[in-house]
Amino acid sequence: QTQLVESGGGLVQPGGSLRLSCAASGFTVSSYAMSWYRQAPGKERELVAFISRFGGATKYADPVKGRFTISRDNAKNTVTLQMNNLKPEDAAVYSCNRGTSFGDSYWPSEYWGQGTQVTVSS
């Protein structure tokens, strides 16, 4: 069955970096648009970045542009989120999702991972 498992979260100081990974099973990541979302306490879940099915086009939320990079490894069937220059406001639970995209729009599916906690603090 479809499964997404995130890893790579942790505690990092402001300005530091983390690399999140989402391992997919039950489907191939190359067949779907894939995304990363985050949810901080008391806030709604927000789309951080997605990568399209065709061509690998990427789209980022304004707060993370220039700092985060989403990529897909078809051989490993994983999706990665490289996060650099982390800020305290980046702290959240990060989850991956498979979905559909068209242009700058992304529509999530019901398939979510369990999430991985990112804490940014000195």
C-alpha atoms as a PDB file:
ATOM      1  CA  GLN A   1       0.000   0.000   0.000  1.00  0.00           C
ATOM      2  CA  THR A   2       0.999   3.626  -0.357  1.00  0.00           C
ATOM      3  CA  GLN A   3       3.328   4.737   2.409  1.00  0.00           C
ATOM      4  CA  LEU A   4       5.463   7.804   3.051  1.00  0.00           C
ATOM      5  CA  VAL A   5       8.100   7.871   5.783  1.00  0.00           C
ATOM      6  CA  GLU A   6       9.931  11.077   6.650  1.00  0.00           C
ATOM      7  CA  SER A   7      13.274  11.325   8.398  1.00  0.00           C
ATOM      8  CA  GLY A   8      16.065  13.792   9.030  1.00  0.00           C
ATOM      9  CA  GLY A   9      14.472  16.215  11.444  1.00  0.00           C
ATOM     10  CA  GLY A  10      16.126  17.397  14.625  1.00  0.00           C
ATOM     11  CA  LEU A  11      17.434  20.330  16.592  1.00  0.00           C
ATOM     12  CA  VAL A  12      19.568  22.868  14.774  1.00  0.00           C
ATOM     13  CA  GLN A  13      20.847  26.330  15.606  1.00  0.00           C
ATOM     14  CA  PRO A  14      19.685  29.347  13.607  1.00  0.00           C
ATOM     15  CA  GLY A  15      21.667  29.535  10.395  1.00  0.00           C
ATOM     16  CA  GLY A  16      22.187  25.796  10.328  1.00  0.00           C
ATOM     17  CA  SER A  17      21.071  23.188   7.814  1.00  0.00           C
ATOM     18  CA  LEU A  18      19.024  20.010   7.767  1.00  0.00           C
ATOM     19  CA  ARG A  19      18.234  17.532   5.040  1.00  0.00           C
ATOM     20  CA  LEU A  20      14.839  15.872   5.231  1.00  0.00           C
ATOM     21  CA  SER A  21      14.086  12.692   3.353  1.00  0.00           C
ATOM     22  CA  CYS A  22      10.773  11.096   2.398  1.00  0.00           C
ATOM     23  CA  ALA A  23      10.901   7.428   1.493  1.00  0.00           C
ATOM     24  CA  ALA A  24       7.989   6.249  -0.626  1.00  0.00           C
ATOM     25  CA  SER A  25       6.640   2.745  -1.058  1.00  0.00           C
ATOM     26  CA  GLY A  26       3.681   1.336  -2.920  1.00  0.00           C
ATOM     27  CA  PHE A  27       4.136   3.785  -5.775  1.00  0.00           C
ATOM     28  CA  THR A  28       6.927   5.512  -7.675  1.00  0.00           C
ATOM     29  CA  VAL A  29       7.653   9.154  -6.883  1.00  0.00           C
ATOM     30  CA  SER A  30       8.363   9.823 -10.548  1.00  0.00           C
ATOM     31  CA  SER A  31       4.675   9.215 -11.311  1.00  0.00           C
ATOM     32  CA  TYR A  32       3.355  11.998  -9.096  1.00  0.00           C
ATOM     33  CA  ALA A  33       3.948  15.546  -8.059  1.00  0.00           C
ATOM     34  CA  MET A  34       5.522  15.457  -4.607  1.00  0.00           C
ATOM     35  CA  SER A  35       5.564  18.051  -1.885  1.00  0.00           C
ATOM     36  CA  TRP A  36       6.635  19.044   1.579  1.00  0.00           C
ATOM     37  CA  TYR A  37       4.284  20.715   4.050  1.00  0.00           C
ATOM     38  CA  ARG A  38       4.895  21.989   7.546  1.00  0.00           C
ATOM     39  CA  GLN A  39       2.739  22.707  10.554  1.00  0.00           C
ATOM     40  CA  ALA A  40       3.815  24.727  13.545  1.00  0.00           C
ATOM     41  CA  PRO A  41       1.924  24.616  16.859  1.00  0.00           C
ATOM     42  CA  GLY A  42      -1.274  26.630  16.681  1.00  0.00           C
ATOM     43  CA  LYS A  43      -0.928  27.223  12.956  1.00  0.00           C
ATOM     44  CA  GLU A  44      -2.454  25.661   9.879  1.00  0.00           C
ATOM     45  CA  ARG A  45      -0.471  23.286   7.737  1.00  0.00           C
ATOM     46  CA  GLU A  46       1.222  25.138   4.902  1.00  0.00           C
ATOM     47  CA  LEU A  47       2.767  24.069   1.629  1.00  0.00           C
ATOM     48  CA  VAL A  48       6.518  24.577   1.688  1.00  0.00           C
ATOM     49  CA  ALA A  49       7.584  23.260  -1.717  1.00  0.00           C
ATOM     50  CA  PHE A  50       6.551  20.901  -4.466  1.00  0.00           C
ATOM     51  CA  ILE A  51       8.139  19.271  -7.483  1.00  0.00           C
ATOM     52  CA  SER A  52       6.094  18.509 -10.559  1.00  0.00           C
ATOM     53  CA  ARG A  53       5.656  15.086 -12.090  1.00  0.00           C
ATOM     54  CA  PHE A  54       6.884  16.122 -15.518  1.00  0.00           C
ATOM     55  CA  GLY A  55      10.071  18.059 -15.980  1.00  0.00           C
ATOM     56  CA  GLY A  56      10.827  18.405 -12.301  1.00  0.00           C
ATOM     57  CA  ALA A  57       9.663  22.011 -12.060  1.00  0.00           C
ATOM     58  CA  THR A  58       9.726  23.278  -8.499  1.00  0.00           C
ATOM     59  CA  LYS A  59       7.761  25.852  -6.555  1.00  0.00           C
ATOM     60  CA  TYR A  60       8.491  27.296  -3.126  1.00  0.00           C
ATOM     61  CA  ALA A  61       6.599  29.249  -0.523  1.00  0.00           C
ATOM     62  CA  ASP A  62       7.902  32.803  -0.286  1.00  0.00           C
ATOM     63  CA  PRO A  63       9.361  32.427   3.245  1.00  0.00           C
ATOM     64  CA  VAL A  64      11.692  29.619   2.133  1.00  0.00           C
ATOM     65  CA  LYS A  65      12.696  30.753  -1.350  1.00  0.00           C
ATOM     66  CA  GLY A  66      16.445  30.762  -1.791  1.00  0.00           C
ATOM     67  CA  ARG A  67      16.980  28.673   1.349  1.00  0.00           C
ATOM     68  CA  PHE A  68      15.159  25.381   0.697  1.00  0.00           C
ATOM     69  CA  THR A  69      15.555  22.986  -2.217  1.00  0.00           C
ATOM     70  CA  ILE A  70      13.246  20.094  -3.060  1.00  0.00           C
ATOM     71  CA  SER A  71      14.513  17.236  -5.184  1.00  0.00           C
ATOM     72  CA  ARG A  72      13.547  13.738  -6.195  1.00  0.00           C
ATOM     73  CA  ASP A  73      15.706  10.624  -6.490  1.00  0.00           C
ATOM     74  CA  ASN A  74      13.850   8.215  -8.734  1.00  0.00           C
ATOM     75  CA  ALA A  75      16.390   5.419  -8.219  1.00  0.00           C
ATOM     76  CA  LYS A  76      15.904   5.526  -4.450  1.00  0.00           C
ATOM     77  CA  ASN A  77      12.213   6.448  -4.706  1.00  0.00           C
ATOM     78  CA  THR A  78      12.703   9.331  -2.298  1.00  0.00           C
ATOM     79  CA  VAL A  79      12.023  13.047  -2.108  1.00  0.00           C
ATOM     80  CA  THR A  80      14.420  15.322  -0.269  1.00  0.00           C
ATOM     81  CA  LEU A  81      14.122  18.787   1.226  1.00  0.00           C
ATOM     82  CA  GLN A  82      17.454  20.508   1.764  1.00  0.00           C
ATOM     83  CA  MET A  83      16.996  23.337   4.243  1.00  0.00           C
ATOM     84  CA  ASN A  84      19.738  25.939   4.669  1.00  0.00           C
ATOM     85  CA  ASN A  85      20.029  29.078   6.763  1.00  0.00           C
ATOM     86  CA  LEU A  86      17.282  27.871   9.049  1.00  0.00           C
ATOM     87  CA  LYS A  87      15.366  30.391  11.120  1.00  0.00           C
ATOM     88  CA  PRO A  88      13.374  29.937  14.337  1.00  0.00           C
ATOM     89  CA  GLU A  89      10.183  30.470  12.352  1.00  0.00           C
ATOM     90  CA  ASP A  90      11.000  27.367  10.280  1.00  0.00           C
ATOM     91  CA  ALA A  91      10.395  25.170  13.315  1.00  0.00           C
ATOM     92  CA  ALA A  92       7.506  22.806  12.636  1.00  0.00           C
ATOM     93  CA  VAL A  93       6.554  19.240  11.875  1.00  0.00           C
ATOM     94  CA  TYR A  94       7.423  18.597   8.239  1.00  0.00           C
ATOM     95  CA  SER A  95       5.446  16.060   6.210  1.00  0.00           C
ATOM     96  CA  CYS A  96       5.631  14.867   2.643  1.00  0.00           C
ATOM     97  CA  ASN A  97       2.702  14.245   0.366  1.00  0.00           C
ATOM     98  CA  ARG A  98       2.068  12.937  -3.090  1.00  0.00           C
ATOM     99  CA  GLY A  99      -0.373  14.846  -5.217  1.00  0.00           C
ATOM    100  CA  THR A 100      -1.069  16.638  -8.434  1.00  0.00           C
ATOM    101  CA  SER A 101       0.295  19.869  -9.796  1.00  0.00           C
ATOM    102  CA  PHE A 102      -0.401  22.182 -12.684  1.00  0.00           C
ATOM    103  CA  GLY A 103       1.650  25.297 -13.168  1.00  0.00           C
ATOM    104  CA  ASP A 104       2.030  26.994  -9.802  1.00  0.00           C
ATOM    105  CA  SER A 105      -0.779  25.021  -8.183  1.00  0.00           C
ATOM    106  CA  TYR A 106      -0.576  21.839  -6.127  1.00  0.00           C
ATOM    107  CA  TRP A 107      -3.389  19.621  -4.906  1.00  0.00           C
ATOM    108  CA  PRO A 108      -2.528  17.225  -2.082  1.00  0.00           C
ATOM    109  CA  SER A 109      -3.789  13.674  -1.896  1.00  0.00           C
ATOM    110  CA  GLU A 110      -4.894  11.854   1.236  1.00  0.00           C
ATOM    111  CA  TYR A 111      -1.484  10.210   1.535  1.00  0.00           C
ATOM    112  CA  TRP A 112       0.717  11.728   4.225  1.00  0.00           C
ATOM    113  CA  GLY A 113       3.711  10.589   6.167  1.00  0.00           C
ATOM    114  CA  GLN A 114       3.896  10.745   9.969  1.00  0.00           C
ATOM    115  CA  GLY A 115       6.059  13.842   9.858  1.00  0.00           C
ATOM    116  CA  THR A 116       9.445  14.763  11.243  1.00  0.00           C
ATOM    117  CA  GLN A 117      10.052  17.477  13.824  1.00  0.00           C
ATOM    118  CA  VAL A 118      12.352  20.377  13.016  1.00  0.00           C
ATOM    119  CA  THR A 119      13.408  22.594  15.904  1.00  0.00           C
ATOM    120  CA  VAL A 120      15.475  25.729  15.334  1.00  0.00           C
ATOM    121  CA  SER A 121      16.854  27.177  18.511  1.00  0.00           C
ATOM    122  CA  SER A 122      20.073  28.406  20.036  1.00  0.00           C
END
